[in-house]
Each structure stands twice: as C-alpha cells, then as structure tokens.
Amino acid sequence: MGRLVYPVGYGAFAEYVCVPENELRMKSPNLSFYEAAAVPLAAKTALQGLRDVGSIQSGQKVLINGASGEVGTFAL
C-alpha cells in the first residue's frame, strides 16, 4: 500500500490532482482526508493575511479576535 499524502497549495477542491513530489506532505493518521485537504489552505490564508496584507514585522504585537476557526488557529 502507498503512503497517504496531501498536496500543499494545489487542488483544494479536486478529487484528483497532479503535483510535483516535493509539494506533497505525509497525512497524519489522526486527520481525516477532509481535514488534511483544508490544512494547507487555512495555513496559507493566515500567513498571507499576517505577512502580506498586515505587513507584520518581528517584535510587533497582533490581536487575533475570534480564533476559533482554522485560519485563526493558524494565525495564533
């Protein structure tokens, strides 16, 4: 049996997708396939919001209000 993996940044809503091997990550056994598909998108959204849109720099403080969802959790 092959290893269970998910792509990082490709085909979040696709049933099948072709990606370079270096863009794959091992799926943790405690994650469902749905959760593993959502992780990269939520993490990337949080990163882009803080770094690219918010222009957060080292040493600055950020208030993350309502971090109960995936994006907020990654922002924390």
PDB file of N, CA and C in Angstrom:
ATOM      1  N   MET A   1       0.839  -1.185   0.000  1.00  0.00           N
ATOM      2  CA  MET A   1       0.000   0.000   0.000  1.00  0.00           C
ATOM      3  C   MET A   1       0.882   1.245   0.000  1.00  0.00           C
ATOM      4  N   GLY A   2       0.466   2.264  -0.739  1.00  0.00           N
ATOM      5  CA  GLY A   2       1.217   3.513  -0.806  1.00  0.00           C
ATOM      6  C   GLY A   2       1.026   4.345   0.450  1.00  0.00           C
ATOM      7  N   ARG A   3       1.762   5.414   0.519  1.00  0.00           N
ATOM      8  CA  ARG A   3       1.663   6.331   1.659  1.00  0.00           C
ATOM      9  C   ARG A   3       0.530   7.321   1.421  1.00  0.00           C
ATOM     10  N   LEU A   4      -0.124   7.715   2.504  1.00  0.00           N
ATOM     11  CA  LEU A   4      -1.210   8.687   2.417  1.00  0.00           C
ATOM     12  C   LEU A   4      -0.601  10.088   2.494  1.00  0.00           C
ATOM     13  N   VAL A   5      -0.836  10.883   1.468  1.00  0.00           N
ATOM     14  CA  VAL A   5      -0.264  12.224   1.382  1.00  0.00           C
ATOM     15  C   VAL A   5      -1.336  13.225   0.960  1.00  0.00           C
ATOM     16  N   TYR A   6      -1.001  14.503   1.092  1.00  0.00           N
ATOM     17  CA  TYR A   6      -1.875  15.559   0.573  1.00  0.00           C
ATOM     18  C   TYR A   6      -0.990  16.631  -0.060  1.00  0.00           C
ATOM     19  N   PRO A   7      -1.505  17.326  -1.075  1.00  0.00           N
ATOM     20  CA  PRO A   7      -0.719  18.364  -1.739  1.00  0.00           C
ATOM     21  C   PRO A   7      -0.792  19.686  -0.984  1.00  0.00           C
ATOM     22  N   VAL A   8       0.257  20.465  -1.080  1.00  0.00           N
ATOM     23  CA  VAL A   8       0.303  21.778  -0.440  1.00  0.00           C
ATOM     24  C   VAL A   8       0.055  22.847  -1.495  1.00  0.00           C
ATOM     25  N   GLY A   9      -1.113  23.470  -1.441  1.00  0.00           N
ATOM     26  CA  GLY A   9      -1.413  24.587  -2.326  1.00  0.00           C
ATOM     27  C   GLY A   9      -1.978  24.229  -3.685  1.00  0.00           C
ATOM     28  N   TYR A  10      -2.391  23.004  -3.893  1.00  0.00           N
ATOM     29  CA  TYR A  10      -2.944  22.587  -5.186  1.00  0.00           C
ATOM     30  C   TYR A  10      -4.281  21.899  -4.987  1.00  0.00           C
ATOM     31  N   GLY A  11      -5.250  22.223  -5.817  1.00  0.00           N
ATOM     32  CA  GLY A  11      -6.489  21.461  -5.933  1.00  0.00           C
ATOM     33  C   GLY A  11      -7.223  21.198  -4.649  1.00  0.00           C
ATOM     34  N   ALA A  12      -7.467  22.227  -3.846  1.00  0.00           N
ATOM     35  CA  ALA A  12      -8.150  22.031  -2.568  1.00  0.00           C
ATOM     36  C   ALA A  12      -9.527  21.382  -2.741  1.00  0.00           C
ATOM     37  N   PHE A  13     -10.169  21.616  -3.875  1.00  0.00           N
ATOM     38  CA  PHE A  13     -11.498  21.064  -4.093  1.00  0.00           C
ATOM     39  C   PHE A  13     -11.494  19.960  -5.159  1.00  0.00           C
ATOM     40  N   ALA A  14     -10.324  19.490  -5.537  1.00  0.00           N
ATOM     41  CA  ALA A  14     -10.216  18.482  -6.587  1.00  0.00           C
ATOM     42  C   ALA A  14     -10.210  17.081  -5.984  1.00  0.00           C
ATOM     43  N   GLU A  15     -10.797  16.153  -6.701  1.00  0.00           N
ATOM     44  CA  GLU A  15     -10.749  14.757  -6.275  1.00  0.00           C
ATOM     45  C   GLU A  15      -9.393  14.152  -6.618  1.00  0.00           C
ATOM     46  N   TYR A  16      -8.843  14.547  -7.768  1.00  0.00           N
ATOM     47  CA  TYR A  16      -7.522  14.098  -8.207  1.00  0.00           C
ATOM     48  C   TYR A  16      -6.729  15.312  -8.673  1.00  0.00           C
ATOM     49  N   VAL A  17      -5.427  15.265  -8.468  1.00  0.00           N
ATOM     50  CA  VAL A  17      -4.574  16.369  -8.902  1.00  0.00           C
ATOM     51  C   VAL A  17      -3.152  15.843  -9.117  1.00  0.00           C
ATOM     52  N   CYS A  18      -2.460  16.377 -10.115  1.00  0.00           N
ATOM     53  CA  CYS A  18      -1.059  16.025 -10.365  1.00  0.00           C
ATOM     54  C   CYS A  18      -0.184  17.164  -9.854  1.00  0.00           C
ATOM     55  N   VAL A  19       0.754  16.846  -8.983  1.00  0.00           N
ATOM     56  CA  VAL A  19       1.639  17.862  -8.407  1.00  0.00           C
ATOM     57  C   VAL A  19       3.059  17.321  -8.351  1.00  0.00           C
ATOM     58  N   PRO A  20       4.051  18.218  -8.275  1.00  0.00           N
ATOM     59  CA  PRO A  20       5.427  17.763  -8.094  1.00  0.00           C
ATOM     60  C   PRO A  20       5.578  17.043  -6.743  1.00  0.00           C
ATOM     61  N   GLU A  21       6.431  16.070  -6.696  1.00  0.00           N
ATOM     62  CA  GLU A  21       6.616  15.264  -5.482  1.00  0.00           C
ATOM     63  C   GLU A  21       6.997  16.110  -4.270  1.00  0.00           C
ATOM     64  N   ASN A  22       7.781  17.170  -4.487  1.00  0.00           N
ATOM     65  CA  ASN A  22       8.220  17.995  -3.354  1.00  0.00           C
ATOM     66  C   ASN A  22       7.095  18.860  -2.775  1.00  0.00           C
ATOM     67  N   GLU A  23       5.922  18.842  -3.409  1.00  0.00           N
ATOM     68  CA  GLU A  23       4.768  19.592  -2.915  1.00  0.00           C
ATOM     69  C   GLU A  23       3.799  18.705  -2.123  1.00  0.00           C
ATOM     70  N   LEU A  24       4.212  17.479  -1.812  1.00  0.00           N
ATOM     71  CA  LEU A  24       3.375  16.555  -1.052  1.00  0.00           C
ATOM     72  C   LEU A  24       3.836  16.470   0.392  1.00  0.00           C
ATOM     73  N   ARG A  25       2.890  16.297   1.300  1.00  0.00           N
ATOM     74  CA  ARG A  25       3.189  16.113   2.717  1.00  0.00           C
ATOM     75  C   ARG A  25       2.487  14.849   3.194  1.00  0.00           C
ATOM     76  N   MET A  26       3.091  14.190   4.152  1.00  0.00           N
ATOM     77  CA  MET A  26       2.503  12.979   4.722  1.00  0.00           C
ATOM     78  C   MET A  26       1.240  13.339   5.508  1.00  0.00           C
ATOM     79  N   LYS A  27       0.170  12.571   5.298  1.00  0.00           N
ATOM     80  CA  LYS A  27      -1.061  12.789   6.051  1.00  0.00           C
ATOM     81  C   LYS A  27      -0.940  12.134   7.415  1.00  0.00           C
ATOM     82  N   SER A  28      -1.196  12.907   8.453  1.00  0.00           N
ATOM     83  CA  SER A  28      -1.164  12.370   9.808  1.00  0.00           C
ATOM     84  C   SER A  28      -2.315  11.383   9.988  1.00  0.00           C
ATOM     85  N   PRO A  29      -2.084  10.270  10.673  1.00  0.00           N
ATOM     86  CA  PRO A  29      -3.149   9.271  10.844  1.00  0.00           C
ATOM     87  C   PRO A  29      -4.369   9.811  11.606  1.00  0.00           C
ATOM     88  N   ASN A  30      -4.182  10.840  12.427  1.00  0.00           N
ATOM     89  CA  ASN A  30      -5.309  11.367  13.197  1.00  0.00           C
ATOM     90  C   ASN A  30      -6.117  12.422  12.439  1.00  0.00           C
ATOM     91  N   LEU A  31      -5.762  12.726  11.179  1.00  0.00           N
ATOM     92  CA  LEU A  31      -6.519  13.660  10.347  1.00  0.00           C
ATOM     93  C   LEU A  31      -7.361  12.903   9.331  1.00  0.00           C
ATOM     94  N   SER A  32      -8.572  13.375   9.127  1.00  0.00           N
ATOM     95  CA  SER A  32      -9.380  12.815   8.047  1.00  0.00           C
ATOM     96  C   SER A  32      -8.852  13.382   6.728  1.00  0.00           C
ATOM     97  N   PHE A  33      -9.287  12.826   5.613  1.00  0.00           N
ATOM     98  CA  PHE A  33      -8.878  13.369   4.321  1.00  0.00           C
ATOM     99  C   PHE A  33      -9.419  14.788   4.143  1.00  0.00           C
ATOM    100  N   TYR A  34     -10.601  15.059   4.666  1.00  0.00           N
ATOM    101  CA  TYR A  34     -11.188  16.396   4.573  1.00  0.00           C
ATOM    102  C   TYR A  34     -10.336  17.409   5.343  1.00  0.00           C
ATOM    103  N   GLU A  35      -9.918  17.035   6.536  1.00  0.00           N
ATOM    104  CA  GLU A  35      -9.082  17.927   7.349  1.00  0.00           C
ATOM    105  C   GLU A  35      -7.723  18.147   6.689  1.00  0.00           C
ATOM    106  N   ALA A  36      -7.131  17.080   6.167  1.00  0.00           N
ATOM    107  CA  ALA A  36      -5.825  17.205   5.517  1.00  0.00           C
ATOM    108  C   ALA A  36      -5.906  18.098   4.282  1.00  0.00           C
ATOM    109  N   ALA A  37      -7.032  18.077   3.584  1.00  0.00           N
ATOM    110  CA  ALA A  37      -7.202  18.933   2.410  1.00  0.00           C
ATOM    111  C   ALA A  37      -7.355  20.391   2.810  1.00  0.00           C
ATOM    112  N   ALA A  38      -7.931  20.649   3.982  1.00  0.00           N
ATOM    113  CA  ALA A  38      -8.184  22.018   4.422  1.00  0.00           C
ATOM    114  C   ALA A  38      -6.963  22.668   5.073  1.00  0.00           C
ATOM    115  N   VAL A  39      -6.090  21.885   5.662  1.00  0.00           N
ATOM    116  CA  VAL A  39      -4.946  22.424   6.406  1.00  0.00           C
ATOM    117  C   VAL A  39      -4.088  23.376   5.572  1.00  0.00           C
ATOM    118  N   PRO A  40      -3.624  23.004   4.392  1.00  0.00           N
ATOM    119  CA  PRO A  40      -2.754  23.918   3.648  1.00  0.00           C
ATOM    120  C   PRO A  40      -3.430  25.237   3.273  1.00  0.00           C
ATOM    121  N   LEU A  41      -4.696  25.196   2.910  1.00  0.00           N
ATOM    122  CA  LEU A  41      -5.406  26.407   2.518  1.00  0.00           C
ATOM    123  C   LEU A  41      -5.582  27.342   3.704  1.00  0.00           C
ATOM    124  N   ALA A  42      -5.959  26.819   4.855  1.00  0.00           N
ATOM    125  CA  ALA A  42      -6.141  27.643   6.047  1.00  0.00           C
ATOM    126  C   ALA A  42      -4.815  28.239   6.512  1.00  0.00           C
ATOM    127  N   ALA A  43      -3.759  27.438   6.496  1.00  0.00           N
ATOM    128  CA  ALA A  43      -2.450  27.923   6.924  1.00  0.00           C
ATOM    129  C   ALA A  43      -1.921  29.013   5.989  1.00  0.00           C
ATOM    130  N   LYS A  44      -2.091  28.809   4.704  1.00  0.00           N
ATOM    131  CA  LYS A  44      -1.624  29.798   3.729  1.00  0.00           C
ATOM    132  C   LYS A  44      -2.417  31.100   3.840  1.00  0.00           C
ATOM    133  N   THR A  45      -3.705  30.999   4.078  1.00  0.00           N
ATOM    134  CA  THR A  45      -4.544  32.185   4.245  1.00  0.00           C
ATOM    135  C   THR A  45      -4.096  32.994   5.459  1.00  0.00           C
ATOM    136  N   ALA A  46      -3.821  32.327   6.581  1.00  0.00           N
ATOM    137  CA  ALA A  46      -3.351  33.019   7.781  1.00  0.00           C
ATOM    138  C   ALA A  46      -2.003  33.693   7.529  1.00  0.00           C
ATOM    139  N   LEU A  47      -1.093  32.985   6.885  1.00  0.00           N
ATOM    140  CA  LEU A  47       0.224  33.542   6.588  1.00  0.00           C
ATOM    141  C   LEU A  47       0.120  34.771   5.694  1.00  0.00           C
ATOM    142  N   GLN A  48      -0.661  34.670   4.628  1.00  0.00           N
ATOM    143  CA  GLN A  48      -0.811  35.799   3.708  1.00  0.00           C
ATOM    144  C   GLN A  48      -1.469  36.993   4.401  1.00  0.00           C
ATOM    145  N   GLY A  49      -2.436  36.733   5.256  1.00  0.00           N
ATOM    146  CA  GLY A  49      -3.099  37.820   5.970  1.00  0.00           C
ATOM    147  C   GLY A  49      -2.162  38.565   6.903  1.00  0.00           C
ATOM    148  N   LEU A  50      -1.371  37.826   7.641  1.00  0.00           N
ATOM    149  CA  LEU A  50      -0.454  38.461   8.593  1.00  0.00           C
ATOM    150  C   LEU A  50       0.761  39.081   7.911  1.00  0.00           C
ATOM    151  N   ARG A  51       1.387  38.328   7.050  1.00  0.00           N
ATOM    152  CA  ARG A  51       2.635  38.772   6.429  1.00  0.00           C
ATOM    153  C   ARG A  51       2.413  39.738   5.268  1.00  0.00           C
ATOM    154  N   ASP A  52       1.573  39.351   4.320  1.00  0.00           N
ATOM    155  CA  ASP A  52       1.434  40.130   3.086  1.00  0.00           C
ATOM    156  C   ASP A  52       0.484  41.315   3.238  1.00  0.00           C
ATOM    157  N   VAL A  53      -0.686  41.083   3.809  1.00  0.00           N
ATOM    158  CA  VAL A  53      -1.676  42.152   3.943  1.00  0.00           C
ATOM    159  C   VAL A  53      -1.387  43.003   5.174  1.00  0.00           C
ATOM    160  N   GLY A  54      -1.110  42.341   6.298  1.00  0.00           N
ATOM    161  CA  GLY A  54      -0.865  43.067   7.541  1.00  0.00           C
ATOM    162  C   GLY A  54       0.532  43.624   7.685  1.00  0.00           C
ATOM    163  N   SER A  55       1.453  43.170   6.862  1.00  0.00           N
ATOM    164  CA  SER A  55       2.860  43.620   6.916  1.00  0.00           C
ATOM    165  C   SER A  55       3.448  43.531   8.322  1.00  0.00           C
ATOM    166  N   ILE A  56       3.143  42.433   9.017  1.00  0.00           N
ATOM    167  CA  ILE A  56       3.621  42.231  10.377  1.00  0.00           C
ATOM    168  C   ILE A  56       5.132  42.015  10.365  1.00  0.00           C
ATOM    169  N   GLN A  57       5.807  42.699  11.277  1.00  0.00           N
ATOM    170  CA  GLN A  57       7.253  42.584  11.404  1.00  0.00           C
ATOM    171  C   GLN A  57       7.597  41.957  12.753  1.00  0.00           C
ATOM    172  N   SER A  58       8.786  41.415  12.851  1.00  0.00           N
ATOM    173  CA  SER A  58       9.263  40.809  14.087  1.00  0.00           C
ATOM    174  C   SER A  58       9.187  41.823  15.225  1.00  0.00           C
ATOM    175  N   GLY A  59       8.651  41.391  16.374  1.00  0.00           N
ATOM    176  CA  GLY A  59       8.557  42.252  17.543  1.00  0.00           C
ATOM    177  C   GLY A  59       7.221  42.971  17.671  1.00  0.00           C
ATOM    178  N   GLN A  60       6.428  43.007  16.600  1.00  0.00           N
ATOM    179  CA  GLN A  60       5.121  43.649  16.674  1.00  0.00           C
ATOM    180  C   GLN A  60       4.120  42.732  17.362  1.00  0.00           C
ATOM    181  N   LYS A  61       3.098  43.338  17.943  1.00  0.00           N
ATOM    182  CA  LYS A  61       2.029  42.580  18.586  1.00  0.00           C
ATOM    183  C   LYS A  61       0.799  42.613  17.698  1.00  0.00           C
ATOM    184  N   VAL A  62       0.033  41.508  17.728  1.00  0.00           N
ATOM    185  CA  VAL A  62      -1.153  41.378  16.898  1.00  0.00           C
ATOM    186  C   VAL A  62      -2.294  40.864  17.760  1.00  0.00           C
ATOM    187  N   LEU A  63      -3.460  41.474  17.607  1.00  0.00           N
ATOM    188  CA  LEU A  63      -4.666  40.973  18.256  1.00  0.00           C
ATOM    189  C   LEU A  63      -5.396  40.084  17.263  1.00  0.00           C
ATOM    190  N   ILE A  64      -5.574  38.830  17.633  1.00  0.00           N
ATOM    191  CA  ILE A  64      -6.320  37.895  16.786  1.00  0.00           C
ATOM    192  C   ILE A  64      -7.635  37.632  17.500  1.00  0.00           C
ATOM    193  N   ASN A  65      -8.684  38.234  16.980  1.00  0.00           N
ATOM    194  CA  ASN A  65     -10.001  38.186  17.599  1.00  0.00           C
ATOM    195  C   ASN A  65     -10.825  37.054  16.977  1.00  0.00           C
ATOM    196  N   GLY A  66     -11.305  36.152  17.810  1.00  0.00           N
ATOM    197  CA  GLY A  66     -12.155  35.068  17.308  1.00  0.00           C
ATOM    198  C   GLY A  66     -11.380  33.978  16.599  1.00  0.00           C
ATOM    199  N   ALA A  67     -10.354  33.466  17.224  1.00  0.00           N
ATOM    200  CA  ALA A  67      -9.506  32.451  16.595  1.00  0.00           C
ATOM    201  C   ALA A  67     -10.079  31.050  16.783  1.00  0.00           C
ATOM    202  N   SER A  68     -11.369  30.897  16.568  1.00  0.00           N
ATOM    203  CA  SER A  68     -11.982  29.587  16.776  1.00  0.00           C
ATOM    204  C   SER A  68     -12.008  28.738  15.510  1.00  0.00           C
ATOM    205  N   GLY A  69     -11.747  29.343  14.366  1.00  0.00           N
ATOM    206  CA  GLY A  69     -11.731  28.601  13.110  1.00  0.00           C
ATOM    207  C   GLY A  69     -10.327  28.195  12.720  1.00  0.00           C
ATOM    208  N   GLU A  70     -10.204  27.598  11.552  1.00  0.00           N
ATOM    209  CA  GLU A  70      -8.897  27.116  11.098  1.00  0.00           C
ATOM    210  C   GLU A  70      -7.907  28.242  10.848  1.00  0.00           C
ATOM    211  N   VAL A  71      -8.330  29.288  10.138  1.00  0.00           N
ATOM    212  CA  VAL A  71      -7.414  30.386   9.814  1.00  0.00           C
ATOM    213  C   VAL A  71      -6.936  31.062  11.081  1.00  0.00           C
ATOM    214  N   GLY A  72      -7.850  31.344  12.005  1.00  0.00           N
ATOM    215  CA  GLY A  72      -7.475  31.966  13.272  1.00  0.00           C
ATOM    216  C   GLY A  72      -6.540  31.100  14.104  1.00  0.00           C
ATOM    217  N   THR A  73      -6.761  29.796  14.070  1.00  0.00           N
ATOM    218  CA  THR A  73      -5.885  28.877  14.803  1.00  0.00           C
ATOM    219  C   THR A  73      -4.470  28.923  14.253  1.00  0.00           C
ATOM    220  N   PHE A  74      -4.336  28.935  12.930  1.00  0.00           N
ATOM    221  CA  PHE A  74      -3.004  29.022  12.334  1.00  0.00           C
ATOM    222  C   PHE A  74      -2.376  30.390  12.580  1.00  0.00           C
ATOM    223  N   ALA A  75      -3.189  31.438  12.612  1.00  0.00           N
ATOM    224  CA  ALA A  75      -2.660  32.774  12.880  1.00  0.00           C
ATOM    225  C   ALA A  75      -2.058  32.848  14.290  1.00  0.00           C
ATOM    226  N   LEU A  76      -2.661  32.126  15.228  1.00  0.00           N
ATOM    227  CA  LEU A  76      -2.099  32.092  16.584  1.00  0.00           C
ATOM    228  C   LEU A  76      -0.732  31.452  16.568  1.00  0.00           C
TER     229      LEU A  76
END
